[in-house]
Protein backbone atom coordinates (compact mmCIF):
# COMPACT_ATOMS: atom_id res chain seq x y z
CA UNK A 1 19.86 -23.86 -14.31
CA UNK A 2 19.68 -20.48 -15.93
CA UNK A 3 18.04 -19.05 -18.99
CA UNK A 4 20.53 -17.78 -21.56
CA UNK A 5 19.42 -14.55 -23.25
CA UNK A 6 20.49 -14.63 -26.90
CA UNK A 7 18.91 -11.41 -28.11
CA UNK A 8 16.83 -8.59 -26.60
CA UNK A 9 14.55 -6.12 -28.34
CA UNK A 10 12.95 -3.26 -26.42
CA UNK A 11 10.05 -1.01 -27.45
CA UNK A 12 8.73 1.91 -25.42
CA UNK A 13 4.95 2.28 -25.49
CA UNK A 14 3.77 5.23 -23.38
CA UNK A 15 4.83 4.47 -19.81
CA UNK A 16 5.47 0.80 -20.58
CA UNK A 17 8.57 -0.88 -21.93
CA UNK A 18 7.89 -4.06 -23.90
CA UNK A 19 10.81 -6.52 -23.79
CA UNK A 20 11.11 -9.36 -26.30
CA UNK A 21 13.92 -11.81 -25.70
CA UNK A 22 15.15 -14.83 -27.56
CA UNK A 23 16.29 -17.28 -24.88
CA UNK A 24 17.81 -20.72 -24.58
CA UNK A 25 16.19 -22.64 -21.71
CA UNK A 26 18.13 -24.94 -19.37
CA UNK A 27 17.02 -27.93 -21.51
CA UNK A 28 18.50 -26.23 -24.65
CA UNK A 29 15.08 -25.36 -26.05
CA UNK A 30 15.02 -21.96 -27.77
CA UNK A 31 12.04 -19.79 -26.94
CA UNK A 32 10.88 -16.23 -27.62
CA UNK A 33 9.68 -14.62 -24.42
CA UNK A 34 8.06 -11.22 -23.94
CA UNK A 35 7.09 -9.19 -20.89
CA UNK A 36 6.30 -5.67 -19.77
CA UNK A 37 9.12 -3.92 -17.93
CA UNK A 38 7.20 -1.68 -15.54
CA UNK A 39 8.24 0.68 -12.76
CA UNK A 40 8.11 -0.46 -9.17
CA UNK A 41 5.17 0.70 -7.06
CA UNK A 42 3.71 1.03 -3.60
CA UNK A 43 0.41 0.14 -1.95
CA UNK A 44 -0.75 1.44 1.41
CA UNK A 45 -3.23 0.04 3.94
CA UNK A 46 -4.28 3.22 5.83
CA UNK A 47 -5.93 2.53 9.21
CA UNK A 48 -7.63 5.32 11.12
CA UNK A 49 -7.53 5.72 14.92
CA UNK A 50 -11.09 4.31 15.08
CA UNK A 51 -9.84 1.24 13.13
CA UNK A 52 -11.44 2.05 9.77
CA UNK A 53 -9.59 1.43 6.53
CA UNK A 54 -9.33 4.25 4.00
CA UNK A 55 -10.28 2.84 0.62
CA UNK A 56 -10.65 4.58 -2.70
CA UNK A 57 -12.84 4.08 -5.74
CA UNK A 58 -11.47 5.15 -9.06
CA UNK A 59 -12.14 4.53 -12.71
CA UNK A 60 -9.69 2.12 -14.35
CA UNK A 61 -9.79 2.46 -18.09
CA UNK A 62 -8.01 -0.85 -18.79
CA UNK A 63 -11.02 -2.74 -17.32
CA UNK A 64 -13.58 0.01 -18.10
CA UNK A 65 -14.89 -0.02 -14.52
CA UNK A 66 -14.82 1.84 -11.24
CA UNK A 67 -12.66 -0.20 -8.86
CA UNK A 68 -12.34 -0.42 -5.09
CA UNK A 69 -8.68 -0.07 -4.16
CA UNK A 70 -6.21 0.89 -1.53
CA UNK A 71 -4.06 3.99 -2.19
CA UNK A 72 -1.17 3.06 -4.43
CA UNK A 73 1.20 4.49 -6.99
CA UNK A 74 4.24 4.15 -9.16
CA UNK A 75 7.75 4.92 -7.94
CA UNK A 76 8.85 7.66 -10.37
CA UNK A 77 12.59 7.04 -10.09
CA UNK A 78 13.87 3.53 -9.39
CA UNK A 79 16.40 5.04 -6.93
CA UNK A 80 13.59 6.62 -4.87
CA UNK A 81 12.81 5.19 -1.44
CA UNK A 82 9.51 3.24 -1.58
CA UNK A 83 8.48 4.68 1.81
CA UNK A 84 8.80 8.27 0.52
CA UNK A 85 6.65 7.36 -2.48
CA UNK A 86 4.09 5.71 -0.18
CA UNK A 87 3.89 8.87 1.96
CA UNK A 88 3.40 11.02 -1.15
CA UNK A 89 0.74 8.71 -2.63
CA UNK A 90 -1.21 8.47 0.64
CA UNK A 91 -1.41 12.24 0.93
CA UNK A 92 -2.18 12.83 -2.74
CA UNK A 93 -4.92 10.22 -3.04
CA UNK A 94 -6.54 10.44 0.42
CA UNK A 95 -5.56 13.77 1.89
CA UNK A 96 -4.02 12.08 4.94
CA UNK A 97 -0.54 11.80 6.43
CA UNK A 98 0.54 8.97 8.72
CA UNK A 99 2.63 9.13 11.86
CA UNK A 100 3.49 5.42 11.84
CA UNK A 101 4.48 3.25 8.89
CA UNK A 102 4.72 -0.56 8.97
CA UNK A 103 6.59 -2.10 6.01
CA UNK A 104 5.36 -5.46 4.73
CA UNK A 105 8.03 -6.12 2.10
CA UNK A 106 7.22 -6.43 -1.57
CA UNK A 107 5.61 -8.82 -4.02
CA UNK A 108 5.42 -9.38 -7.79
CA UNK A 109 1.78 -9.16 -8.87
CA UNK A 110 2.24 -10.98 -12.21
CA UNK A 111 5.80 -12.29 -12.66
CA UNK A 112 4.84 -14.28 -15.76
CA UNK A 113 4.14 -11.14 -17.79
CA UNK A 114 5.63 -8.12 -16.01
CA UNK A 115 8.67 -7.17 -13.96
CA UNK A 116 6.57 -4.93 -11.67
CA UNK A 117 7.38 -5.13 -7.95
CA UNK A 118 5.08 -3.49 -5.39
CA UNK A 119 6.13 -2.47 -1.87
CA UNK A 120 3.45 -2.83 0.80
CA UNK A 121 2.87 -0.68 3.88
CA UNK A 122 0.33 -0.10 6.62
CA UNK A 123 -0.10 3.47 7.78
CA UNK A 124 -1.53 4.50 11.17
CA UNK A 125 -1.79 7.67 13.24
CA UNK A 126 -3.54 9.36 10.34
CA UNK A 127 -3.96 13.14 10.27
CA UNK A 128 -6.09 14.84 7.65
CA UNK A 129 -4.40 17.31 5.30
CA UNK A 130 -5.51 18.02 1.75
CA UNK A 131 -6.17 15.60 -1.08
CA UNK A 132 -4.04 16.56 -4.13
CA UNK A 133 -5.14 14.43 -7.07
CA UNK A 134 -3.23 14.34 -10.34
CA UNK A 135 -5.18 15.65 -13.38
CA UNK A 136 -5.81 12.05 -14.57
CA UNK A 137 -7.12 10.85 -11.19
CA UNK A 138 -10.81 10.81 -10.29
CA UNK A 139 -10.93 9.29 -6.83
CA UNK A 140 -13.67 8.96 -4.20
CA UNK A 141 -12.51 8.29 -0.63
CA UNK A 142 -14.27 5.95 1.83
CA UNK A 143 -13.56 4.99 5.45
CA UNK A 144 -14.74 1.39 5.77
CA UNK A 145 -15.08 -0.90 8.75
CA UNK A 146 -12.91 -4.00 8.39
CA UNK A 147 -16.07 -6.12 8.06
CA UNK A 148 -17.27 -3.92 5.18
CA UNK A 149 -13.97 -4.33 3.39
CA UNK A 150 -13.91 -8.08 3.95
CA UNK A 151 -17.48 -8.27 2.60
CA UNK A 152 -16.43 -6.38 -0.57
CA UNK A 153 -13.55 -8.87 -1.00
CA UNK A 154 -15.81 -11.90 -0.41
CA UNK A 155 -18.37 -10.63 -2.93
CA UNK A 156 -15.63 -10.08 -5.53
CA UNK A 157 -16.21 -6.32 -5.61
CA UNK A 158 -12.74 -5.45 -4.25
CA UNK A 159 -10.38 -6.83 -6.90
CA UNK A 160 -7.26 -4.71 -6.34
CA UNK A 161 -4.45 -7.27 -6.24
CA UNK A 162 -1.94 -5.05 -4.47
CA UNK A 163 -4.61 -4.09 -1.96
CA UNK A 164 -5.42 -7.71 -1.25
CA UNK A 165 -1.70 -8.47 -0.86
CA UNK A 166 -1.37 -5.61 1.66
CA UNK A 167 -4.42 -6.79 3.61
CA UNK A 168 -3.13 -10.39 3.68
CA UNK A 169 0.35 -9.36 4.80
CA UNK A 170 -1.24 -7.25 7.51
CA UNK A 171 -3.51 -10.03 8.72
CA UNK A 172 -0.71 -12.62 9.01
CA UNK A 173 1.28 -10.29 11.29
CA UNK A 174 0.88 -11.12 14.98
CA UNK A 175 0.49 -7.44 15.97
CA UNK A 176 -2.73 -6.97 13.99
CA UNK A 177 -4.35 -3.60 14.65
CA UNK A 178 -7.78 -4.51 13.30
């Protein structure tokens, strides 16, 4: 049972591509569907040797708030290896490099409205280097105890979907480091 795409219209808006498609559903109903075609991304759960989690706070203009998050970023070229992007983003946003990387697969944060796919990783064996923020990034770095992070999640103060997905994937693994 597949959707038949009858017509596609694409519009580029800044870094987003808006797709509008006229489709015929499996029950022969015609429907106009739209979504945002967005680059793939990465999200990293960085864990220090003393079992703290490196979290960031940054201003997110779309919600007009400072947000608690895990380091994350967009994969610039769809042919790029997600792990290489994760390594770059961790160093840029936190000023740390990791000796060990644990992949947790990927997930779709909002498949009803965007094509975005985010690859999840844990990073351990952290060594401090130099934070290299992009000109549009204003990021504060925090090393939180797991209980502090869980408290932020429980109080609704940590709302980063990719970050919560990374934490959940980490917690369901048998070899939990926390």
